[in-house]
Protein backbone atom coordinates (compact mmCIF):
# COMPACT_ATOMS: atom_id res chain seq x y z
CA MET A 1 63.93 33.90 -48.51
CA SER A 2 66.43 31.29 -48.98
CA ASP A 3 65.90 27.69 -49.92
CA SER A 4 67.33 26.47 -46.67
CA PHE A 5 64.94 28.65 -44.65
CA LEU A 6 61.97 27.38 -46.66
CA THR A 7 63.13 23.77 -46.29
CA ALA A 8 63.60 24.20 -42.55
CA SER A 9 60.21 25.89 -42.28
CA SER A 10 58.63 23.05 -44.25
CA ASN A 11 60.25 20.45 -41.99
CA TRP A 12 59.27 22.38 -38.91
CA LEU A 13 55.66 22.72 -40.12
CA GLN A 14 55.54 18.98 -40.92
CA TRP A 15 56.61 18.24 -37.35
CA VAL A 16 53.99 20.67 -36.07
CA ALA A 17 51.39 18.89 -38.23
CA ILE A 18 52.56 15.48 -36.93
CA VAL A 19 52.52 16.68 -33.33
CA GLY A 20 49.17 18.41 -33.93
CA THR A 21 47.74 15.24 -35.43
CA GLY A 22 49.10 13.24 -32.50
CA LEU A 23 47.63 15.69 -30.02
CA GLY A 24 44.32 15.58 -31.90
CA LEU A 25 44.39 11.78 -31.78
CA ILE A 26 45.27 11.78 -28.08
CA SER A 27 42.56 14.39 -27.50
CA SER A 28 39.99 12.27 -29.36
CA ILE A 29 40.92 9.15 -27.41
CA GLY A 30 40.84 11.10 -24.15
CA LEU A 31 37.45 12.61 -25.00
CA PHE A 32 36.10 9.17 -25.83
CA PHE A 33 37.14 7.73 -22.45
CA VAL A 34 36.03 10.80 -20.49
CA ARG A 35 32.64 10.90 -22.22
CA THR A 36 32.20 7.13 -21.71
CA GLU A 37 32.98 7.50 -18.00
CA LEU A 38 30.63 10.47 -17.66
CA SER A 39 27.92 8.58 -19.52
CA ASP A 40 28.35 5.56 -17.21
CA ARG A 41 28.17 7.79 -14.14
CA GLN A 42 25.06 9.54 -15.46
CA ALA A 43 23.47 6.16 -16.21
CA LYS A 44 24.20 5.02 -12.63
CA ARG A 45 22.76 8.25 -11.22
CA LEU A 46 19.70 7.88 -13.44
CA ALA A 47 19.21 4.27 -12.32
CA ALA A 48 19.55 5.32 -8.66
CA ALA A 49 17.07 8.17 -9.21
CA GLN A 50 14.63 5.80 -10.91
CA GLN A 51 14.95 3.34 -8.02
CA GLU A 52 14.34 6.14 -5.52
CA ALA A 53 11.32 7.26 -7.55
CA THR A 54 9.95 3.70 -7.55
CA GLN A 55 10.43 3.47 -3.79
CA ALA A 56 8.77 6.87 -3.34
CA ARG A 57 5.80 5.77 -5.47
CA GLY A 58 5.53 2.59 -3.36
CA LEU A 59 5.65 4.61 -0.16
CA ALA A 60 3.07 7.04 -1.55
CA ALA A 61 0.79 4.11 -2.45
CA THR A 62 1.21 2.70 1.06
CA VAL A 63 0.38 6.04 2.64
CA GLU A 64 -2.58 6.51 0.29
CA GLY A 65 -3.84 3.02 1.15
CA LYS A 66 -3.64 3.79 4.86
CA GLN A 67 -5.47 7.07 4.39
CA ARG A 68 -8.16 5.63 2.14
CA TRP A 69 -11.25 4.67 4.08
CA ARG A 70 -12.20 1.01 4.18
CA LYS A 71 -15.16 0.12 2.04
CA ILE A 72 -17.13 -3.07 1.59
CA SER A 73 -17.26 -3.69 -2.14
CA ASP A 74 -20.33 -5.04 -3.90
CA GLU A 75 -18.54 -8.36 -4.33
CA GLN A 76 -17.68 -8.57 -0.61
CA ARG A 77 -21.26 -7.63 0.29
CA ALA A 78 -22.59 -10.42 -1.92
CA LYS A 79 -20.20 -12.96 -0.38
CA ILE A 80 -21.20 -11.99 3.15
CA LEU A 81 -24.91 -12.16 2.29
CA ARG A 82 -24.48 -15.61 0.70
CA ALA A 83 -22.58 -16.86 3.76
CA LEU A 84 -25.23 -15.57 6.18
CA ILE A 85 -28.31 -16.77 4.29
CA ASP A 86 -28.96 -19.81 6.52
CA VAL A 87 -27.63 -18.37 9.78
CA PRO A 88 -30.11 -17.96 12.66
CA LYS A 89 -31.13 -14.33 12.86
CA ARG A 90 -29.70 -12.99 16.13
CA LYS A 91 -29.03 -9.50 17.41
CA VAL A 92 -25.66 -8.06 16.40
CA TRP A 93 -24.22 -4.89 17.86
CA VAL A 94 -21.63 -3.24 15.57
CA THR A 95 -19.40 -0.78 17.41
CA ALA A 96 -16.50 1.50 16.56
CA PRO A 97 -14.34 3.93 18.53
CA GLY A 98 -16.31 7.09 19.24
CA GLY A 99 -13.75 9.48 17.77
CA ASP A 100 -12.76 7.45 14.72
CA GLU A 101 -14.93 8.58 11.81
CA GLU A 102 -13.40 6.09 9.35
CA SER A 103 -14.10 3.12 11.65
CA LYS A 104 -17.64 4.40 12.32
CA ALA A 105 -18.32 4.68 8.59
CA TYR A 106 -17.00 1.15 8.04
CA ALA A 107 -19.10 -0.12 10.95
CA ALA A 108 -22.17 1.48 9.34
CA GLN A 109 -21.45 -0.43 6.11
CA ILE A 110 -21.13 -3.70 8.04
CA ASN A 111 -24.36 -2.93 9.88
CA GLU A 112 -26.15 -2.33 6.57
CA VAL A 113 -24.96 -5.71 5.25
CA PHE A 114 -26.15 -7.44 8.44
CA LEU A 115 -29.57 -5.78 8.10
CA ALA A 116 -29.75 -6.91 4.46
CA ALA A 117 -28.93 -10.45 5.66
CA GLY A 118 -31.92 -10.32 8.01
CA LEU A 119 -29.95 -9.99 11.24
CA GLU A 120 -31.21 -7.62 13.89
CA SER A 121 -28.32 -5.19 13.83
CA ASP A 122 -27.52 -1.83 15.35
CA THR A 123 -24.44 0.37 15.38
CA GLY A 124 -22.88 2.79 17.81
CA GLY A 125 -19.64 4.23 19.13
CA MET A 126 -17.81 3.51 22.34
CA LEU A 127 -15.28 5.79 24.00
CA ALA A 128 -14.30 3.82 27.10
CA VAL A 129 -13.04 0.72 25.28
CA THR A 130 -9.66 0.11 23.72
CA PHE A 131 -10.26 -1.25 20.24
CA THR A 132 -7.82 -3.58 18.57
CA SER A 133 -7.01 -2.98 14.91
CA GLY A 134 -9.40 -4.40 12.34
CA LEU A 135 -12.49 -6.48 13.02
CA SER A 136 -13.23 -8.46 16.20
CA ILE A 137 -16.26 -10.56 17.11
CA PHE A 138 -17.34 -11.22 20.69
CA SER A 139 -20.16 -13.29 22.12
CA ASP A 140 -20.93 -14.42 25.67
CA GLN A 141 -24.21 -16.22 25.24
CA PRO A 142 -23.62 -19.88 24.29
CA GLY A 143 -26.51 -19.76 21.82
CA ASN A 144 -24.70 -17.02 19.88
CA ALA A 145 -21.46 -18.91 19.36
CA ASP A 146 -22.65 -20.52 16.10
CA VAL A 147 -23.82 -17.19 14.68
CA ALA A 148 -20.63 -15.41 15.78
CA ALA A 149 -18.58 -18.13 14.10
CA ALA A 150 -20.74 -17.87 10.95
CA ILE A 151 -20.21 -14.09 10.84
CA ARG A 152 -16.47 -14.64 11.15
CA GLU A 153 -16.59 -17.16 8.27
CA ALA A 154 -18.65 -14.72 6.20
CA PHE A 155 -16.00 -12.06 6.77
CA LYS A 156 -13.33 -14.59 5.82
CA ALA A 157 -15.21 -15.48 2.61
CA ALA A 158 -15.22 -11.76 1.74
CA ASP A 159 -11.47 -11.46 2.51
CA LEU A 160 -12.11 -9.31 5.58
CA ILE A 161 -9.59 -10.27 8.24
CA CYS A 162 -11.18 -11.16 11.56
CA PRO A 163 -9.58 -13.20 14.37
CA ASP A 164 -11.34 -16.12 16.01
CA THR A 165 -14.50 -15.37 17.95
CA ASP A 166 -13.93 -14.61 21.60
CA HIS A 167 -15.87 -13.91 24.76
CA ASN A 168 -16.57 -10.42 25.96
CA VAL A 169 -18.06 -9.14 29.18
CA LEU A 170 -18.86 -5.76 27.62
CA ASN A 171 -21.96 -6.87 25.73
CA ASP A 172 -25.36 -7.44 27.29
CA HIS A 173 -25.17 -11.23 26.85
CA ALA A 174 -28.03 -11.09 24.38
CA ALA A 175 -26.16 -9.72 21.36
CA ILE A 176 -23.09 -10.54 19.38
CA SER A 177 -20.57 -7.68 19.34
CA VAL A 178 -18.71 -6.89 16.14
CA MET A 179 -16.06 -4.32 16.99
CA VAL A 180 -14.58 -2.27 14.14
CA GLY A 181 -11.21 -1.01 15.28
CA PRO A 182 -8.81 1.33 13.54
CA ARG A 183 -6.75 0.10 10.62
């Protein structure tokens, strides 16, 4: 091999090395930007997935809360009993929709608290009446208005939502009706 061939080969290989180094540098810069972009996109997808998971957990908690049966806690029971301690002992009829087992179980708990408070209380189901959601109190006899209002205030003290007392032609005019409707 001649000197000129070796010199040309050396020059050519130097240019290949320079071009190779340049391509390697361009490749490294390109990889950096591509990986950064992919990382950003993955971070956005992860954040969106986490937000969806949080929303799903919230929805699941809402559904679970709606499916969980209502229960009067010991603290609520104590508050109701304290609020009813000085109330005249009248007859209270606690009703729930005939086919709604959750409402009937809740009505039984309310009935038990009324009995513990010394009220004459009974419970039963009704099929022919449209029940509003939650708790309602009805009384037709004027002498029961104070007790009906006191029961409503006892519920309020225990954080049980109950609208204002009302009049009802469905009761026998001798009892206060506490209607336990669906959630």
